[in-house]
PDB file of N, CA and C in Angstrom:
ATOM      1  N   MET A   1     129.395  94.753  62.223  1.00  0.00           N
ATOM      2  CA  MET A   1     130.358  95.805  62.270  1.00  0.00           C
ATOM      3  C   MET A   1     131.657  95.342  61.637  1.00  0.00           C
ATOM      4  N   GLU A   2     132.288  96.254  60.964  1.00  0.00           N
ATOM      5  CA  GLU A   2     133.565  95.922  60.345  1.00  0.00           C
ATOM      6  C   GLU A   2     134.672  95.972  61.394  1.00  0.00           C
ATOM      7  N   PRO A   3     135.756  95.261  61.172  1.00  0.00           N
ATOM      8  CA  PRO A   3     136.851  95.221  62.154  1.00  0.00           C
ATOM      9  C   PRO A   3     137.401  96.614  62.473  1.00  0.00           C
ATOM     10  N   GLN A   4     137.461  97.507  61.496  1.00  0.00           N
ATOM     11  CA  GLN A   4     138.014  98.846  61.725  1.00  0.00           C
ATOM     12  C   GLN A   4     137.096  99.648  62.664  1.00  0.00           C
ATOM     13  N   GLU A   5     135.766  99.496  62.500  1.00  0.00           N
ATOM     14  CA  GLU A   5     134.824 100.196  63.380  1.00  0.00           C
ATOM     15  C   GLU A   5     134.963  99.685  64.812  1.00  0.00           C
ATOM     16  N   LYS A   6     135.155  98.372  64.973  1.00  0.00           N
ATOM     17  CA  LYS A   6     135.326  97.798  66.304  1.00  0.00           C
ATOM     18  C   LYS A   6     136.576  98.363  66.963  1.00  0.00           C
ATOM     19  N   LYS A   7     137.648  98.495  66.191  1.00  0.00           N
ATOM     20  CA  LYS A   7     138.889  99.056  66.736  1.00  0.00           C
ATOM     21  C   LYS A   7     138.668 100.503  67.157  1.00  0.00           C
ATOM     22  N   GLY A   8     137.918 101.267  66.340  1.00  0.00           N
ATOM     23  CA  GLY A   8     137.651 102.671  66.660  1.00  0.00           C
ATOM     24  C   GLY A   8     136.862 102.807  67.957  1.00  0.00           C
ATOM     25  N   LYS A   9     135.837 101.976  68.104  1.00  0.00           N
ATOM     26  CA  LYS A   9     135.037 102.018  69.331  1.00  0.00           C
ATOM     27  C   LYS A   9     135.855 101.546  70.523  1.00  0.00           C
ATOM     28  N   SER A  10     136.643 100.518  70.324  1.00  0.00           N
ATOM     29  CA  SER A  10     137.476  99.993  71.396  1.00  0.00           C
ATOM     30  C   SER A  10     138.489 101.060  71.823  1.00  0.00           C
ATOM     31  N   GLY A  11     139.065 101.764  70.857  1.00  0.00           N
ATOM     32  CA  GLY A  11     140.022 102.823  71.156  1.00  0.00           C
ATOM     33  C   GLY A  11     139.357 103.961  71.917  1.00  0.00           C
ATOM     34  N   LEU A  12     138.140 104.288  71.527  1.00  0.00           N
ATOM     35  CA  LEU A  12     137.397 105.345  72.209  1.00  0.00           C
ATOM     36  C   LEU A  12     137.130 104.942  73.658  1.00  0.00           C
ATOM     37  N   GLN A  13     136.739 103.698  73.860  1.00  0.00           N
ATOM     38  CA  GLN A  13     136.466 103.221  75.210  1.00  0.00           C
ATOM     39  C   GLN A  13     137.737 103.223  76.067  1.00  0.00           C
ATOM     40  N   ILE A  14     138.821 102.824  75.485  1.00  0.00           N
ATOM     41  CA  ILE A  14     140.095 102.825  76.212  1.00  0.00           C
ATOM     42  C   ILE A  14     140.480 104.262  76.558  1.00  0.00           C
ATOM     43  N   GLY A  15     140.295 105.168  75.601  1.00  0.00           N
ATOM     44  CA  GLY A  15     140.621 106.575  75.834  1.00  0.00           C
ATOM     45  C   GLY A  15     139.768 107.169  76.947  1.00  0.00           C
ATOM     46  N   MET A  16     138.472 106.851  76.939  1.00  0.00           N
ATOM     47  CA  MET A  16     137.589 107.359  77.988  1.00  0.00           C
ATOM     48  C   MET A  16     137.988 106.800  79.355  1.00  0.00           C
ATOM     49  N   ALA A  17     138.307 105.516  79.409  1.00  0.00           N
ATOM     50  CA  ALA A  17     138.707 104.896  80.673  1.00  0.00           C
ATOM     51  C   ALA A  17     139.996 105.531  81.184  1.00  0.00           C
ATOM     52  N   LEU A  18     140.969 105.714  80.296  1.00  0.00           N
ATOM     53  CA  LEU A  18     142.231 106.340  80.710  1.00  0.00           C
ATOM     54  C   LEU A  18     141.994 107.779  81.177  1.00  0.00           C
ATOM     55  N   GLY A  19     141.156 108.509  80.480  1.00  0.00           N
ATOM     56  CA  GLY A  19     140.837 109.882  80.878  1.00  0.00           C
ATOM     57  C   GLY A  19     140.190 109.917  82.254  1.00  0.00           C
ATOM     58  N   GLY A  20     139.280 108.986  82.504  1.00  0.00           N
ATOM     59  CA  GLY A  20     138.641 108.905  83.817  1.00  0.00           C
ATOM     60  C   GLY A  20     139.647 108.601  84.916  1.00  0.00           C
ATOM     61  N   ILE A  21     140.525 107.669  84.647  1.00  0.00           N
ATOM     62  CA  ILE A  21     141.540 107.296  85.648  1.00  0.00           C
ATOM     63  C   ILE A  21     142.464 108.478  85.924  1.00  0.00           C
ATOM     64  N   ILE A  22     142.877 109.158  84.863  1.00  0.00           N
ATOM     65  CA  ILE A  22     143.755 110.324  85.037  1.00  0.00           C
ATOM     66  C   ILE A  22     143.023 111.415  85.820  1.00  0.00           C
ATOM     67  N   GLY A  23     141.739 111.653  85.482  1.00  0.00           N
ATOM     68  CA  GLY A  23     140.960 112.661  86.200  1.00  0.00           C
ATOM     69  C   GLY A  23     140.841 112.341  87.676  1.00  0.00           C
ATOM     70  N   ILE A  24     140.548 111.087  87.981  1.00  0.00           N
ATOM     71  CA  ILE A  24     140.449 110.671  89.389  1.00  0.00           C
ATOM     72  C   ILE A  24     141.803 110.829  90.070  1.00  0.00           C
ATOM     73  N   GLY A  25     142.843 110.470  89.365  1.00  0.00           N
ATOM     74  CA  GLY A  25     144.195 110.616  89.916  1.00  0.00           C
ATOM     75  C   GLY A  25     144.510 112.070  90.245  1.00  0.00           C
ATOM     76  N   LEU A  26     144.155 112.982  89.363  1.00  0.00           N
ATOM     77  CA  LEU A  26     144.406 114.404  89.619  1.00  0.00           C
ATOM     78  C   LEU A  26     143.596 114.901  90.815  1.00  0.00           C
ATOM     79  N   VAL A  27     142.345 114.461  90.923  1.00  0.00           N
ATOM     80  CA  VAL A  27     141.506 114.861  92.055  1.00  0.00           C
ATOM     81  C   VAL A  27     142.110 114.356  93.355  1.00  0.00           C
ATOM     82  N   VAL A  28     142.542 113.100  93.373  1.00  0.00           N
ATOM     83  CA  VAL A  28     143.124 112.516  94.579  1.00  0.00           C
ATOM     84  C   VAL A  28     144.448 113.184  94.913  1.00  0.00           C
ATOM     85  N   ALA A  29     145.246 113.520  93.923  1.00  0.00           N
ATOM     86  CA  ALA A  29     146.562 114.118  94.140  1.00  0.00           C
ATOM     87  C   ALA A  29     146.455 115.556  94.638  1.00  0.00           C
ATOM     88  N   ASN A  30     145.452 116.293  94.205  1.00  0.00           N
ATOM     89  CA  ASN A  30     145.310 117.688  94.604  1.00  0.00           C
ATOM     90  C   ASN A  30     144.445 117.762  95.857  1.00  0.00           C
ATOM     91  N   LYS A  31     145.041 118.168  96.980  1.00  0.00           N
ATOM     92  CA  LYS A  31     144.356 118.175  98.263  1.00  0.00           C
ATOM     93  C   LYS A  31     143.147 119.108  98.258  1.00  0.00           C
ATOM     94  N   LYS A  32     143.285 120.300  97.697  1.00  0.00           N
ATOM     95  CA  LYS A  32     142.186 121.270  97.680  1.00  0.00           C
ATOM     96  C   LYS A  32     140.999 120.726  96.875  1.00  0.00           C
ATOM     97  N   THR A  33     141.258 120.170  95.707  1.00  0.00           N
ATOM     98  CA  THR A  33     140.199 119.607  94.864  1.00  0.00           C
ATOM     99  C   THR A  33     139.531 118.437  95.568  1.00  0.00           C
ATOM    100  N   ARG A  34     140.337 117.594  96.204  1.00  0.00           N
ATOM    101  CA  ARG A  34     139.818 116.426  96.923  1.00  0.00           C
ATOM    102  C   ARG A  34     138.889 116.874  98.054  1.00  0.00           C
ATOM    103  N   GLU A  35     139.294 117.895  98.793  1.00  0.00           N
ATOM    104  CA  GLU A  35     138.459 118.415  99.873  1.00  0.00           C
ATOM    105  C   GLU A  35     137.147 118.993  99.323  1.00  0.00           C
ATOM    106  N   ASN A  36     137.218 119.705  98.192  1.00  0.00           N
ATOM    107  CA  ASN A  36     136.013 120.257  97.574  1.00  0.00           C
ATOM    108  C   ASN A  36     135.057 119.152  97.126  1.00  0.00           C
ATOM    109  N   VAL A  37     135.594 118.102  96.534  1.00  0.00           N
ATOM    110  CA  VAL A  37     134.769 116.981  96.071  1.00  0.00           C
ATOM    111  C   VAL A  37     134.102 116.296  97.262  1.00  0.00           C
ATOM    112  N   PHE A  38     134.872 116.045  98.319  1.00  0.00           N
ATOM    113  CA  PHE A  38     134.300 115.410  99.505  1.00  0.00           C
ATOM    114  C   PHE A  38     133.245 116.300 100.146  1.00  0.00           C
ATOM    115  N   SER A  39     133.507 117.585 100.217  1.00  0.00           N
ATOM    116  CA  SER A  39     132.553 118.525 100.812  1.00  0.00           C
ATOM    117  C   SER A  39     131.245 118.567 100.009  1.00  0.00           C
ATOM    118  N   ALA A  40     131.360 118.653  98.694  1.00  0.00           N
ATOM    119  CA  ALA A  40     130.170 118.686  97.833  1.00  0.00           C
ATOM    120  C   ALA A  40     129.391 117.386  97.943  1.00  0.00           C
ATOM    121  N   THR A  41     130.103 116.270  98.034  1.00  0.00           N
ATOM    122  CA  THR A  41     129.441 114.967  98.161  1.00  0.00           C
ATOM    123  C   THR A  41     128.699 114.874  99.496  1.00  0.00           C
ATOM    124  N   LYS A  42     129.337 115.332 100.583  1.00  0.00           N
ATOM    125  CA  LYS A  42     128.674 115.322 101.888  1.00  0.00           C
ATOM    126  C   LYS A  42     127.429 116.205 101.874  1.00  0.00           C
ATOM    127  N   GLN A  43     127.540 117.375 101.244  1.00  0.00           N
ATOM    128  CA  GLN A  43     126.397 118.287 101.164  1.00  0.00           C
ATOM    129  C   GLN A  43     125.248 117.634 100.381  1.00  0.00           C
ATOM    130  N   THR A  44     125.580 116.971  99.276  1.00  0.00           N
ATOM    131  CA  THR A  44     124.558 116.291  98.469  1.00  0.00           C
ATOM    132  C   THR A  44     123.883 115.183  99.269  1.00  0.00           C
ATOM    133  N   VAL A  45     124.656 114.389  99.978  1.00  0.00           N
ATOM    134  CA  VAL A  45     124.109 113.306 100.795  1.00  0.00           C
ATOM    135  C   VAL A  45     123.212 113.881 101.885  1.00  0.00           C
ATOM    136  N   SER A  46     123.651 114.972 102.501  1.00  0.00           N
ATOM    137  CA  SER A  46     122.849 115.610 103.546  1.00  0.00           C
ATOM    138  C   SER A  46     121.520 116.112 102.993  1.00  0.00           C
ATOM    139  N   THR A  47     121.554 116.743 101.837  1.00  0.00           N
ATOM    140  CA  THR A  47     120.336 117.268 101.216  1.00  0.00           C
ATOM    141  C   THR A  47     119.380 116.137 100.856  1.00  0.00           C
ATOM    142  N   VAL A  48     119.907 115.064 100.287  1.00  0.00           N
ATOM    143  CA  VAL A  48     119.073 113.915  99.923  1.00  0.00           C
ATOM    144  C   VAL A  48     118.458 113.294 101.176  1.00  0.00           C
ATOM    145  N   ASN A  49     119.248 113.164 102.224  1.00  0.00           N
ATOM    146  CA  ASN A  49     118.722 112.596 103.475  1.00  0.00           C
ATOM    147  C   ASN A  49     117.631 113.475 104.063  1.00  0.00           C
ATOM    148  N   GLU A  50     117.835 114.792 104.028  1.00  0.00           N
ATOM    149  CA  GLU A  50     116.840 115.722 104.554  1.00  0.00           C
ATOM    150  C   GLU A  50     115.536 115.632 103.747  1.00  0.00           C
ATOM    151  N   ALA A  51     115.648 115.577 102.427  1.00  0.00           N
ATOM    152  CA  ALA A  51     114.464 115.468 101.570  1.00  0.00           C
ATOM    153  C   ALA A  51     113.733 114.156 101.834  1.00  0.00           C
ATOM    154  N   THR A  52     114.487 113.084 101.985  1.00  0.00           N
ATOM    155  CA  THR A  52     113.893 111.772 102.262  1.00  0.00           C
ATOM    156  C   THR A  52     113.166 111.787 103.608  1.00  0.00           C
ATOM    157  N   ARG A  53     113.800 112.385 104.594  1.00  0.00           N
ATOM    158  CA  ARG A  53     113.197 112.472 105.930  1.00  0.00           C
ATOM    159  C   ARG A  53     111.898 113.304 105.865  1.00  0.00           C
ATOM    160  N   PHE A  54     111.927 114.423 105.137  1.00  0.00           N
ATOM    161  CA  PHE A  54     110.740 115.280 105.012  1.00  0.00           C
ATOM    162  C   PHE A  54     109.586 114.514 104.360  1.00  0.00           C
ATOM    163  N   VAL A  55     109.892 113.811 103.274  1.00  0.00           N
ATOM    164  CA  VAL A  55     108.851 113.049 102.584  1.00  0.00           C
ATOM    165  C   VAL A  55     108.305 111.951 103.492  1.00  0.00           C
ATOM    166  N   SER A  56     109.181 111.297 104.234  1.00  0.00           N
ATOM    167  CA  SER A  56     108.728 110.232 105.142  1.00  0.00           C
ATOM    168  C   SER A  56     107.835 110.785 106.242  1.00  0.00           C
ATOM    169  N   GLN A  57     108.200 111.936 106.807  1.00  0.00           N
ATOM    170  CA  GLN A  57     107.434 112.518 107.905  1.00  0.00           C
ATOM    171  C   GLN A  57     106.109 113.105 107.439  1.00  0.00           C
ATOM    172  N   ASN A  58     106.025 113.528 106.183  1.00  0.00           N
ATOM    173  CA  ASN A  58     104.831 114.212 105.681  1.00  0.00           C
ATOM    174  C   ASN A  58     104.144 113.433 104.562  1.00  0.00           C
ATOM    175  N   ARG A  59     104.363 112.147 104.547  1.00  0.00           N
ATOM    176  CA  ARG A  59     103.855 111.319 103.462  1.00  0.00           C
ATOM    177  C   ARG A  59     102.343 111.431 103.290  1.00  0.00           C
ATOM    178  N   ASP A  60     101.610 111.345 104.378  1.00  0.00           N
ATOM    179  CA  ASP A  60     100.144 111.395 104.293  1.00  0.00           C
ATOM    180  C   ASP A  60      99.667 112.742 103.742  1.00  0.00           C
ATOM    181  N   GLU A  61     100.263 113.820 104.240  1.00  0.00           N
ATOM    182  CA  GLU A  61      99.894 115.151 103.746  1.00  0.00           C
ATOM    183  C   GLU A  61     100.201 115.298 102.262  1.00  0.00           C
ATOM    184  N   ILE A  62     101.356 114.825 101.880  1.00  0.00           N
ATOM    185  CA  ILE A  62     101.766 114.919 100.468  1.00  0.00           C
ATOM    186  C   ILE A  62     100.815 114.118  99.592  1.00  0.00           C
ATOM    187  N   MET A  63     100.465 112.914 100.028  1.00  0.00           N
ATOM    188  CA  MET A  63      99.554 112.079  99.242  1.00  0.00           C
ATOM    189  C   MET A  63      98.175 112.736  99.140  1.00  0.00           C
ATOM    190  N   GLN A  64      97.688 113.323 100.248  1.00  0.00           N
ATOM    191  CA  GLN A  64      96.385 113.993 100.230  1.00  0.00           C
ATOM    192  C   GLN A  64      96.413 115.194  99.285  1.00  0.00           C
ATOM    193  N   GLN A  65      97.506 115.938  99.331  1.00  0.00           N
ATOM    194  CA  GLN A  65      97.656 117.100  98.445  1.00  0.00           C
ATOM    195  C   GLN A  65      97.646 116.649  96.978  1.00  0.00           C
ATOM    196  N   LEU A  66      98.345 115.567  96.676  1.00  0.00           N
ATOM    197  CA  LEU A  66      98.358 115.043  95.307  1.00  0.00           C
ATOM    198  C   LEU A  66      96.964 114.594  94.875  1.00  0.00           C
ATOM    199  N   LYS A  67      96.241 113.915  95.771  1.00  0.00           N
ATOM    200  CA  LYS A  67      94.884 113.477  95.445  1.00  0.00           C
ATOM    201  C   LYS A  67      93.972 114.668  95.187  1.00  0.00           C
ATOM    202  N   ASN A  68      94.058 115.683  96.070  1.00  0.00           N
ATOM    203  CA  ASN A  68      93.222 116.878  95.900  1.00  0.00           C
ATOM    204  C   ASN A  68      93.534 117.592  94.589  1.00  0.00           C
ATOM    205  N   THR A  69      94.804 117.721  94.297  1.00  0.00           N
ATOM    206  CA  THR A  69      95.203 118.393  93.055  1.00  0.00           C
ATOM    207  C   THR A  69      94.732 117.605  91.843  1.00  0.00           C
ATOM    208  N   SER A  70      94.876 116.299  91.903  1.00  0.00           N
ATOM    209  CA  SER A  70      94.434 115.448  90.799  1.00  0.00           C
ATOM    210  C   SER A  70      92.922 115.541  90.609  1.00  0.00           C
ATOM    211  N   GLN A  71      92.183 115.533  91.707  1.00  0.00           N
ATOM    212  CA  GLN A  71      90.724 115.621  91.632  1.00  0.00           C
ATOM    213  C   GLN A  71      90.313 116.979  91.061  1.00  0.00           C
ATOM    214  N   ARG A  72      90.950 118.044  91.515  1.00  0.00           N
ATOM    215  CA  ARG A  72      90.628 119.398  91.027  1.00  0.00           C
ATOM    216  C   ARG A  72      90.934 119.504  89.529  1.00  0.00           C
ATOM    217  N   PHE A  73      92.046 118.929  89.123  1.00  0.00           N
ATOM    218  CA  PHE A  73      92.414 118.948  87.706  1.00  0.00           C
ATOM    219  C   PHE A  73      91.361 118.198  86.875  1.00  0.00           C
ATOM    220  N   SER A  74      90.922 117.053  87.379  1.00  0.00           N
ATOM    221  CA  SER A  74      89.888 116.282  86.665  1.00  0.00           C
ATOM    222  C   SER A  74      88.595 117.082  86.545  1.00  0.00           C
ATOM    223  N   GLU A  75      88.215 117.763  87.624  1.00  0.00           N
ATOM    224  CA  GLU A  75      87.002 118.582  87.591  1.00  0.00           C
ATOM    225  C   GLU A  75      87.127 119.718  86.566  1.00  0.00           C
ATOM    226  N   LEU A  76      88.293 120.359  86.556  1.00  0.00           N
ATOM    227  CA  LEU A  76      88.515 121.450  85.597  1.00  0.00           C
ATOM    228  C   LEU A  76      88.454 120.945  84.154  1.00  0.00           C
ATOM    229  N   MET A  77      89.031 119.781  83.909  1.00  0.00           N
ATOM    230  CA  MET A  77      89.011 119.215  82.558  1.00  0.00           C
ATOM    231  C   MET A  77      87.579 118.859  82.149  1.00  0.00           C
ATOM    232  N   LYS A  78      86.791 118.331  83.091  1.00  0.00           N
ATOM    233  CA  LYS A  78      85.397 117.993  82.798  1.00  0.00           C
ATOM    234  C   LYS A  78      84.616 119.255  82.469  1.00  0.00           C
ATOM    235  N   LYS A  79      84.810 120.302  83.271  1.00  0.00           N
ATOM    236  CA  LYS A  79      84.112 121.571  83.045  1.00  0.00           C
ATOM    237  C   LYS A  79      84.522 122.174  81.702  1.00  0.00           C
ATOM    238  N   ALA A  80      85.807 122.123  81.391  1.00  0.00           N
ATOM    239  CA  ALA A  80      86.276 122.651  80.103  1.00  0.00           C
ATOM    240  C   ALA A  80      85.651 121.882  78.944  1.00  0.00           C
ATOM    241  N   SER A  81      85.540 120.573  79.090  1.00  0.00           N
ATOM    242  CA  SER A  81      84.920 119.748  78.057  1.00  0.00           C
ATOM    243  C   SER A  81      83.446 120.116  77.877  1.00  0.00           C
ATOM    244  N   GLU A  82      82.755 120.313  78.998  1.00  0.00           N
ATOM    245  CA  GLU A  82      81.349 120.714  78.926  1.00  0.00           C
ATOM    246  C   GLU A  82      81.198 122.090  78.264  1.00  0.00           C
ATOM    247  N   ASP A  83      82.083 123.015  78.618  1.00  0.00           N
ATOM    248  CA  ASP A  83      82.042 124.355  78.022  1.00  0.00           C
ATOM    249  C   ASP A  83      82.270 124.294  76.512  1.00  0.00           C
ATOM    250  N   LEU A  84      83.228 123.478  76.107  1.00  0.00           N
ATOM    251  CA  LEU A  84      83.498 123.336  74.671  1.00  0.00           C
ATOM    252  C   LEU A  84      82.300 122.727  73.947  1.00  0.00           C
ATOM    253  N   GLN A  85      81.653 121.760  74.563  1.00  0.00           N
ATOM    254  CA  GLN A  85      80.466 121.150  73.954  1.00  0.00           C
ATOM    255  C   GLN A  85      79.357 122.181  73.826  1.00  0.00           C
ATOM    256  N   TYR A  86      79.170 123.009  74.853  1.00  0.00           N
ATOM    257  CA  TYR A  86      78.150 124.061  74.832  1.00  0.00           C
ATOM    258  C   TYR A  86      78.434 125.046  73.693  1.00  0.00           C
ATOM    259  N   ILE A  87      79.681 125.467  73.585  1.00  0.00           N
ATOM    260  CA  ILE A  87      80.060 126.408  72.518  1.00  0.00           C
ATOM    261  C   ILE A  87      79.820 125.787  71.151  1.00  0.00           C
ATOM    262  N   SER A  88      80.178 124.524  71.010  1.00  0.00           N
ATOM    263  CA  SER A  88      79.984 123.820  69.743  1.00  0.00           C
ATOM    264  C   SER A  88      78.503 123.747  69.385  1.00  0.00           C
ATOM    265  N   ASP A  89      77.685 123.423  70.379  1.00  0.00           N
ATOM    266  CA  ASP A  89      76.234 123.346  70.143  1.00  0.00           C
ATOM    267  C   ASP A  89      75.675 124.707  69.726  1.00  0.00           C
ATOM    268  N   LYS A  90      76.102 125.763  70.409  1.00  0.00           N
ATOM    269  CA  LYS A  90      75.607 127.111  70.095  1.00  0.00           C
ATOM    270  C   LYS A  90      76.072 127.549  68.704  1.00  0.00           C
ATOM    271  N   ALA A  91      77.279 127.185  68.338  1.00  0.00           N
ATOM    272  CA  ALA A  91      77.770 127.528  67.000  1.00  0.00           C
ATOM    273  C   ALA A  91      76.935 126.823  65.930  1.00  0.00           C
ATOM    274  N   LEU A  92      76.585 125.567  66.175  1.00  0.00           N
ATOM    275  CA  LEU A  92      75.744 124.822  65.238  1.00  0.00           C
ATOM    276  C   LEU A  92      74.358 125.458  65.145  1.00  0.00           C
ATOM    277  N   ASP A  93      73.796 125.831  66.316  1.00  0.00           N
ATOM    278  CA  ASP A  93      72.488 126.511  66.319  1.00  0.00           C
ATOM    279  C   ASP A  93      72.550 127.809  65.526  1.00  0.00           C
ATOM    280  N   LEU A  94      73.620 128.557  65.721  1.00  0.00           N
ATOM    281  CA  LEU A  94      73.780 129.831  65.015  1.00  0.00           C
ATOM    282  C   LEU A  94      73.865 129.607  63.506  1.00  0.00           C
ATOM    283  N   LYS A  95      74.583 128.573  63.119  1.00  0.00           N
ATOM    284  CA  LYS A  95      74.692 128.260  61.688  1.00  0.00           C
ATOM    285  C   LYS A  95      73.311 127.931  61.107  1.00  0.00           C
ATOM    286  N   GLU A  96      72.567 127.083  61.817  1.00  0.00           N
ATOM    287  CA  GLU A  96      71.231 126.702  61.338  1.00  0.00           C
ATOM    288  C   GLU A  96      70.296 127.917  61.276  1.00  0.00           C
ATOM    289  N   THR A  97      70.365 128.763  62.291  1.00  0.00           N
ATOM    290  CA  THR A  97      69.522 129.960  62.326  1.00  0.00           C
ATOM    291  C   THR A  97      69.871 130.896  61.177  1.00  0.00           C
ATOM    292  N   THR A  98      71.152 131.031  60.889  1.00  0.00           N
ATOM    293  CA  THR A  98      71.591 131.895  59.795  1.00  0.00           C
ATOM    294  C   THR A  98      71.061 131.384  58.464  1.00  0.00           C
ATOM    295  N   VAL A  99      71.122 130.072  58.258  1.00  0.00           N
ATOM    296  CA  VAL A  99      70.617 129.483  57.010  1.00  0.00           C
ATOM    297  C   VAL A  99      69.100 129.711  56.910  1.00  0.00           C
ATOM    298  N   GLU A 100      68.386 129.486  58.020  1.00  0.00           N
ATOM    299  CA  GLU A 100      66.935 129.705  58.021  1.00  0.00           C
ATOM    300  C   GLU A 100      66.609 131.176  57.745  1.00  0.00           C
ATOM    301  N   PHE A 101      67.348 132.083  58.378  1.00  0.00           N
ATOM    302  CA  PHE A 101      67.132 133.515  58.178  1.00  0.00           C
ATOM    303  C   PHE A 101      67.361 133.898  56.716  1.00  0.00           C
ATOM    304  N   LYS A 102      68.372 133.325  56.131  1.00  0.00           N
ATOM    305  CA  LYS A 102      68.672 133.596  54.718  1.00  0.00           C
ATOM    306  C   LYS A 102      67.504 133.150  53.837  1.00  0.00           C
ATOM    307  N   GLU A 103      66.976 131.954  54.101  1.00  0.00           N
ATOM    308  CA  GLU A 103      65.865 131.438  53.307  1.00  0.00           C
ATOM    309  C   GLU A 103      64.601 132.297  53.486  1.00  0.00           C
ATOM    310  N   VAL A 104      64.305 132.673  54.718  1.00  0.00           N
ATOM    311  CA  VAL A 104      63.132 133.504  54.981  1.00  0.00           C
ATOM    312  C   VAL A 104      63.281 134.858  54.286  1.00  0.00           C
ATOM    313  N   THR A 105      64.483 135.404  54.322  1.00  0.00           N
ATOM    314  CA  THR A 105      64.732 136.691  53.671  1.00  0.00           C
ATOM    315  C   THR A 105      64.529 136.577  52.160  1.00  0.00           C
ATOM    316  N   LYS A 106      65.007 135.501  51.566  1.00  0.00           N
ATOM    317  CA  LYS A 106      64.814 135.293  50.120  1.00  0.00           C
ATOM    318  C   LYS A 106      63.331 135.192  49.795  1.00  0.00           C
ATOM    319  N   GLU A 107      62.600 134.393  50.588  1.00  0.00           N
ATOM    320  CA  GLU A 107      61.161 134.242  50.347  1.00  0.00           C
ATOM    321  C   GLU A 107      60.437 135.570  50.504  1.00  0.00           C
ATOM    322  N   SER A 108      60.795 136.318  51.517  1.00  0.00           N
ATOM    323  CA  SER A 108      60.159 137.622  51.738  1.00  0.00           C
ATOM    324  C   SER A 108      60.436 138.570  50.582  1.00  0.00           C
ATOM    325  N   ALA A 109      61.659 138.537  50.086  1.00  0.00           N
ATOM    326  CA  ALA A 109      62.015 139.404  48.960  1.00  0.00           C
ATOM    327  C   ALA A 109      61.196 139.017  47.728  1.00  0.00           C
ATOM    328  N   LYS A 110      61.050 137.712  47.495  1.00  0.00           N
ATOM    329  CA  LYS A 110      60.254 137.264  46.340  1.00  0.00           C
ATOM    330  C   LYS A 110      58.794 137.700  46.496  1.00  0.00           C
ATOM    331  N   LYS A 111      58.250 137.511  47.694  1.00  0.00           N
ATOM    332  CA  LYS A 111      56.857 137.893  47.927  1.00  0.00           C
ATOM    333  C   LYS A 111      56.682 139.406  47.786  1.00  0.00           C
ATOM    334  N   SER A 112      57.663 140.146  48.247  1.00  0.00           N
ATOM    335  CA  SER A 112      57.594 141.603  48.153  1.00  0.00           C
ATOM    336  C   SER A 112      57.585 142.053  46.701  1.00  0.00           C
ATOM    337  N   VAL A 113      58.467 141.472  45.908  1.00  0.00           N
ATOM    338  CA  VAL A 113      58.522 141.806  44.479  1.00  0.00           C
ATOM    339  C   VAL A 113      57.220 141.393  43.813  1.00  0.00           C
ATOM    340  N   SER A 114      56.724 140.200  44.151  1.00  0.00           N
ATOM    341  CA  SER A 114      55.478 139.712  43.583  1.00  0.00           C
ATOM    342  C   SER A 114      54.316 140.621  43.967  1.00  0.00           C
ATOM    343  N   SER A 115      54.284 141.070  45.224  1.00  0.00           N
ATOM    344  CA  SER A 115      53.209 141.971  45.680  1.00  0.00           C
ATOM    345  C   SER A 115      53.281 143.302  44.951  1.00  0.00           C
ATOM    346  N   LYS A 116      54.471 143.827  44.739  1.00  0.00           N
ATOM    347  CA  LYS A 116      54.625 145.097  44.024  1.00  0.00           C
ATOM    348  C   LYS A 116      54.119 144.975  42.596  1.00  0.00           C
ATOM    349  N   VAL A 117      54.456 143.843  41.979  1.00  0.00           N
ATOM    350  CA  VAL A 117      54.019 143.634  40.597  1.00  0.00           C
ATOM    351  C   VAL A 117      52.487 143.574  40.553  1.00  0.00           C
ATOM    352  N   LYS A 118      51.866 142.841  41.467  1.00  0.00           N
ATOM    353  CA  LYS A 118      50.404 142.738  41.510  1.00  0.00           C
ATOM    354  C   LYS A 118      49.797 144.119  41.803  1.00  0.00           C
ATOM    355  N   TRP A 119      50.359 144.846  42.706  1.00  0.00           N
ATOM    356  CA  TRP A 119      49.838 146.168  43.065  1.00  0.00           C
ATOM    357  C   TRP A 119      49.893 147.103  41.863  1.00  0.00           C
ATOM    358  N   LYS A 120      51.036 147.052  41.124  1.00  0.00           N
ATOM    359  CA  LYS A 120      51.173 147.895  39.941  1.00  0.00           C
ATOM    360  C   LYS A 120      50.151 147.481  38.866  1.00  0.00           C
ATOM    361  N   LYS A 121      49.912 146.184  38.716  1.00  0.00           N
ATOM    362  CA  LYS A 121      48.920 145.719  37.743  1.00  0.00           C
ATOM    363  C   LYS A 121      47.533 146.210  38.133  1.00  0.00           C
ATOM    364  N   ASN A 122      47.210 146.042  39.389  1.00  0.00           N
ATOM    365  CA  ASN A 122      45.912 146.507  39.889  1.00  0.00           C
ATOM    366  C   ASN A 122      45.773 148.024  39.739  1.00  0.00           C
ATOM    367  N   LEU A 123      46.808 148.743  39.989  1.00  0.00           N
ATOM    368  CA  LEU A 123      46.782 150.193  39.860  1.00  0.00           C
ATOM    369  C   LEU A 123      46.571 150.614  38.418  1.00  0.00           C
ATOM    370  N   SER A 124      47.251 149.915  37.521  1.00  0.00           N
ATOM    371  CA  SER A 124      47.092 150.271  36.102  1.00  0.00           C
ATOM    372  C   SER A 124      45.712 149.884  35.591  1.00  0.00           C
ATOM    373  N   LYS A 125      45.057 148.873  36.138  1.00  0.00           N
ATOM    374  CA  LYS A 125      43.712 148.476  35.725  1.00  0.00           C
ATOM    375  C   LYS A 125      42.678 149.531  36.174  1.00  0.00           C
ATOM    376  N   THR A 126      42.903 150.105  37.316  1.00  0.00           N
ATOM    377  CA  THR A 126      41.945 151.070  37.824  1.00  0.00           C
ATOM    378  C   THR A 126      42.049 152.412  37.107  1.00  0.00           C
ATOM    379  N   LYS A 127      43.054 152.656  36.428  1.00  0.00           N
ATOM    380  CA  LYS A 127      43.197 153.930  35.713  1.00  0.00           C
ATOM    381  C   LYS A 127      42.486 153.944  34.438  1.00  0.00           C
TER     382      LYS A 127
END
């Protein structure tokens, strides 16, 4: 880093620190703001404690629920994979059947034309 960039970053850090100190000073100086900050902090601590207590009291149930959900998800993914494989197999079968049908149709058309030609020849011979 060049010396000028270091000064710029250092100045930014000093500015942020001073801004933080001034902000804290204003919060401490203003009684209403200070009370609001303390109240919000107490509420947050209370909520976190309540959540922690709930998780501690219901840990086994929560773990069982997570296991059941995980197992169900795994089963669904396995079934979806099997369904996709089935669809893929059927699509391949359909493709092969279509190709076979096309070939049989071509052969039948050739035989039909050939039979008509022979029939016409035979008909003209009998006349």
